[in-house]
């Protein structure tokens, strides 16, 4: 019972971590794209 509960929390935190990381990567990707466009314009 406790092991299952712990596993459930682990998966829950993993999902939150994945979502946060995904959002962070999207923002970072947008910044990187803007940086590349800015460099190409110069």
PDB file of N, CA and C in Angstrom:
ATOM      1  N   UNK A   1       0.834  -1.197   0.000  1.00  0.00           N
ATOM      2  CA  UNK A   1       0.000   0.000   0.000  1.00  0.00           C
ATOM      3  C   UNK A   1       0.876   1.257   0.000  1.00  0.00           C
ATOM      4  N   UNK A   2       1.806   1.332   0.933  1.00  0.00           N
ATOM      5  CA  UNK A   2       2.680   2.506   1.027  1.00  0.00           C
ATOM      6  C   UNK A   2       3.570   2.622  -0.208  1.00  0.00           C
ATOM      7  N   UNK A   3       4.055   1.479  -0.703  1.00  0.00           N
ATOM      8  CA  UNK A   3       4.912   1.477  -1.889  1.00  0.00           C
ATOM      9  C   UNK A   3       4.146   2.024  -3.091  1.00  0.00           C
ATOM     10  N   UNK A   4       2.893   1.579  -3.232  1.00  0.00           N
ATOM     11  CA  UNK A   4       2.057   2.054  -4.335  1.00  0.00           C
ATOM     12  C   UNK A   4       1.828   3.563  -4.218  1.00  0.00           C
ATOM     13  N   UNK A   5       1.561   4.009  -2.978  1.00  0.00           N
ATOM     14  CA  UNK A   5       1.332   5.431  -2.710  1.00  0.00           C
ATOM     15  C   UNK A   5       2.574   6.246  -3.083  1.00  0.00           C
ATOM     16  N   UNK A   6       3.748   5.734  -2.695  1.00  0.00           N
ATOM     17  CA  UNK A   6       4.997   6.409  -3.020  1.00  0.00           C
ATOM     18  C   UNK A   6       5.229   6.466  -4.518  1.00  0.00           C
ATOM     19  N   UNK A   7       4.930   5.358  -5.187  1.00  0.00           N
ATOM     20  CA  UNK A   7       5.076   5.287  -6.641  1.00  0.00           C
ATOM     21  C   UNK A   7       4.154   6.316  -7.302  1.00  0.00           C
ATOM     22  N   UNK A   8       2.945   6.435  -6.775  1.00  0.00           N
ATOM     23  CA  UNK A   8       1.962   7.363  -7.316  1.00  0.00           C
ATOM     24  C   UNK A   8       2.472   8.801  -7.202  1.00  0.00           C
ATOM     25  N   UNK A   9       3.019   9.138  -6.043  1.00  0.00           N
ATOM     26  CA  UNK A   9       3.578  10.483  -5.830  1.00  0.00           C
ATOM     27  C   UNK A   9       4.758  10.712  -6.775  1.00  0.00           C
ATOM     28  N   UNK A  10       5.590   9.691  -6.958  1.00  0.00           N
ATOM     29  CA  UNK A  10       6.745   9.801  -7.850  1.00  0.00           C
ATOM     30  C   UNK A  10       6.291  10.105  -9.272  1.00  0.00           C
ATOM     31  N   UNK A  11       5.267   9.381  -9.736  1.00  0.00           N
ATOM     32  CA  UNK A  11       4.748   9.598 -11.093  1.00  0.00           C
ATOM     33  C   UNK A  11       4.146  11.003 -11.195  1.00  0.00           C
ATOM     34  N   UNK A  12       3.446  11.425 -10.129  1.00  0.00           N
ATOM     35  CA  UNK A  12       2.824  12.748 -10.084  1.00  0.00           C
ATOM     36  C   UNK A  12       3.882  13.844 -10.204  1.00  0.00           C
ATOM     37  N   UNK A  13       4.955  13.716  -9.428  1.00  0.00           N
ATOM     38  CA  UNK A  13       6.035  14.705  -9.486  1.00  0.00           C
ATOM     39  C   UNK A  13       6.745  14.664 -10.831  1.00  0.00           C
ATOM     40  N   UNK A  14       6.906  13.470 -11.379  1.00  0.00           N
ATOM     41  CA  UNK A  14       7.554  13.296 -12.675  1.00  0.00           C
ATOM     42  C   UNK A  14       6.746  14.018 -13.753  1.00  0.00           C
ATOM     43  N   UNK A  15       5.408  13.894 -13.664  1.00  0.00           N
ATOM     44  CA  UNK A  15       4.530  14.549 -14.637  1.00  0.00           C
ATOM     45  C   UNK A  15       4.646  16.062 -14.526  1.00  0.00           C
ATOM     46  N   UNK A  16       4.627  16.581 -13.297  1.00  0.00           N
ATOM     47  CA  UNK A  16       4.762  18.032 -13.078  1.00  0.00           C
ATOM     48  C   UNK A  16       6.113  18.510 -13.603  1.00  0.00           C
ATOM     49  N   UNK A  17       7.165  17.756 -13.300  1.00  0.00           N
ATOM     50  CA  UNK A  17       8.510  18.097 -13.755  1.00  0.00           C
ATOM     51  C   UNK A  17       8.558  18.123 -15.276  1.00  0.00           C
ATOM     52  N   UNK A  18       7.927  17.129 -15.915  1.00  0.00           N
ATOM     53  CA  UNK A  18       7.911  17.037 -17.370  1.00  0.00           C
ATOM     54  C   UNK A  18       7.177  18.232 -17.978  1.00  0.00           C
ATOM     55  N   UNK A  19       6.037  18.591 -17.372  1.00  0.00           N
ATOM     56  CA  UNK A  19       5.258  19.725 -17.877  1.00  0.00           C
ATOM     57  C   UNK A  19       6.038  21.028 -17.736  1.00  0.00           C
ATOM     58  N   UNK A  20       6.655  21.233 -16.566  1.00  0.00           N
ATOM     59  CA  UNK A  20       7.447  22.444 -16.345  1.00  0.00           C
ATOM     60  C   UNK A  20       8.620  22.499 -17.310  1.00  0.00           C
ATOM     61  N   UNK A  21       9.288  21.358 -17.491  1.00  0.00           N
ATOM     62  CA  UNK A  21      10.430  21.293 -18.397  1.00  0.00           C
ATOM     63  C   UNK A  21       9.990  21.569 -19.829  1.00  0.00           C
ATOM     64  N   UNK A  22       8.803  21.057 -20.198  1.00  0.00           N
ATOM     65  CA  UNK A  22       8.269  21.282 -21.538  1.00  0.00           C
ATOM     66  C   UNK A  22       7.988  22.757 -21.785  1.00  0.00           C
ATOM     67  N   UNK A  23       7.403  23.409 -20.791  1.00  0.00           N
ATOM     68  CA  UNK A  23       7.110  24.846 -20.901  1.00  0.00           C
ATOM     69  C   UNK A  23       8.414  25.627 -20.990  1.00  0.00           C
ATOM     70  N   UNK A  24       9.383  25.258 -20.152  1.00  0.00           N
ATOM     71  CA  UNK A  24      10.688  25.925 -20.151  1.00  0.00           C
ATOM     72  C   UNK A  24      11.373  25.773 -21.507  1.00  0.00           C
ATOM     73  N   UNK A  25      11.302  24.562 -22.081  1.00  0.00           N
ATOM     74  CA  UNK A  25      11.929  24.323 -23.376  1.00  0.00           C
ATOM     75  C   UNK A  25      11.246  25.123 -24.475  1.00  0.00           C
ATOM     76  N   UNK A  26       9.915  25.259 -24.395  1.00  0.00           N
ATOM     77  CA  UNK A  26       9.185  26.052 -25.385  1.00  0.00           C
ATOM     78  C   UNK A  26       9.631  27.502 -25.328  1.00  0.00           C
ATOM     79  N   UNK A  27       9.714  28.047 -24.112  1.00  0.00           N
ATOM     80  CA  UNK A  27      10.146  29.438 -23.943  1.00  0.00           C
ATOM     81  C   UNK A  27      11.577  29.613 -24.426  1.00  0.00           C
ATOM     82  N   UNK A  28      12.441  28.663 -24.055  1.00  0.00           N
ATOM     83  CA  UNK A  28      13.842  28.714 -24.467  1.00  0.00           C
ATOM     84  C   UNK A  28      13.935  28.615 -25.984  1.00  0.00           C
ATOM     85  N   UNK A  29      13.107  27.751 -26.577  1.00  0.00           N
ATOM     86  CA  UNK A  29      13.104  27.581 -28.029  1.00  0.00           C
ATOM     87  C   UNK A  29      12.692  28.856 -28.739  1.00  0.00           C
ATOM     88  N   UNK A  30      11.673  29.530 -28.205  1.00  0.00           N
ATOM     89  CA  UNK A  30      11.216  30.784 -28.791  1.00  0.00           C
ATOM     90  C   UNK A  30      12.309  31.832 -28.718  1.00  0.00           C
ATOM     91  N   UNK A  31      12.968  31.920 -27.562  1.00  0.00           N
ATOM     92  CA  UNK A  31      14.060  32.880 -27.397  1.00  0.00           C
ATOM     93  C   UNK A  31      15.179  32.578 -28.386  1.00  0.00           C
ATOM     94  N   UNK A  32      15.498  31.292 -28.535  1.00  0.00           N
ATOM     95  CA  UNK A  32      16.574  30.882 -29.432  1.00  0.00           C
ATOM     96  C   UNK A  32      16.226  31.229 -30.872  1.00  0.00           C
ATOM     97  N   UNK A  33      14.958  30.994 -31.260  1.00  0.00           N
ATOM     98  CA  UNK A  33      14.526  31.318 -32.620  1.00  0.00           C
ATOM     99  C   UNK A  33      14.636  32.815 -32.871  1.00  0.00           C
ATOM    100  N   UNK A  34      14.214  33.622 -31.898  1.00  0.00           N
ATOM    101  CA  UNK A  34      14.303  35.077 -32.035  1.00  0.00           C
ATOM    102  C   UNK A  34      15.757  35.508 -32.158  1.00  0.00           C
ATOM    103  N   UNK A  35      16.626  34.871 -31.378  1.00  0.00           N
ATOM    104  CA  UNK A  35      18.052  35.183 -31.408  1.00  0.00           C
ATOM    105  C   UNK A  35      18.635  34.874 -32.780  1.00  0.00           C
ATOM    106  N   UNK A  36      18.246  33.734 -33.350  1.00  0.00           N
ATOM    107  CA  UNK A  36      18.742  33.339 -34.674  1.00  0.00           C
ATOM    108  C   UNK A  36      18.244  34.319 -35.731  1.00  0.00           C
ATOM    109  N   UNK A  37      16.958  34.693 -35.655  1.00  0.00           N
ATOM    110  CA  UNK A  37      16.394  35.648 -36.615  1.00  0.00           C
ATOM    111  C   UNK A  37      17.110  36.994 -36.499  1.00  0.00           C
ATOM    112  N   UNK A  38      17.370  37.430 -35.266  1.00  0.00           N
ATOM    113  CA  UNK A  38      18.062  38.698 -35.015  1.00  0.00           C
ATOM    114  C   UNK A  38      19.464  38.665 -35.610  1.00  0.00           C
ATOM    115  N   UNK A  39      20.156  37.540 -35.446  1.00  0.00           N
ATOM    116  CA  UNK A  39      21.508  37.416 -35.989  1.00  0.00           C
ATOM    117  C   UNK A  39      21.494  37.400 -37.508  1.00  0.00           C
ATOM    118  N   UNK A  40      20.470  36.786 -38.105  1.00  0.00           N
ATOM    119  CA  UNK A  40      20.383  36.736 -39.562  1.00  0.00           C
ATOM    120  C   UNK A  40      20.058  38.104 -40.144  1.00  0.00           C
ATOM    121  N   UNK A  41      19.310  38.920 -39.407  1.00  0.00           N
ATOM    122  CA  UNK A  41      18.943  40.255 -39.877  1.00  0.00           C
ATOM    123  C   UNK A  41      20.143  41.191 -39.885  1.00  0.00           C
ATOM    124  N   UNK A  42      21.057  40.988 -38.936  1.00  0.00           N
ATOM    125  CA  UNK A  42      22.196  41.895 -38.804  1.00  0.00           C
ATOM    126  C   UNK A  42      23.128  41.839 -39.992  1.00  0.00           C
TER     127      UNK A  42
END
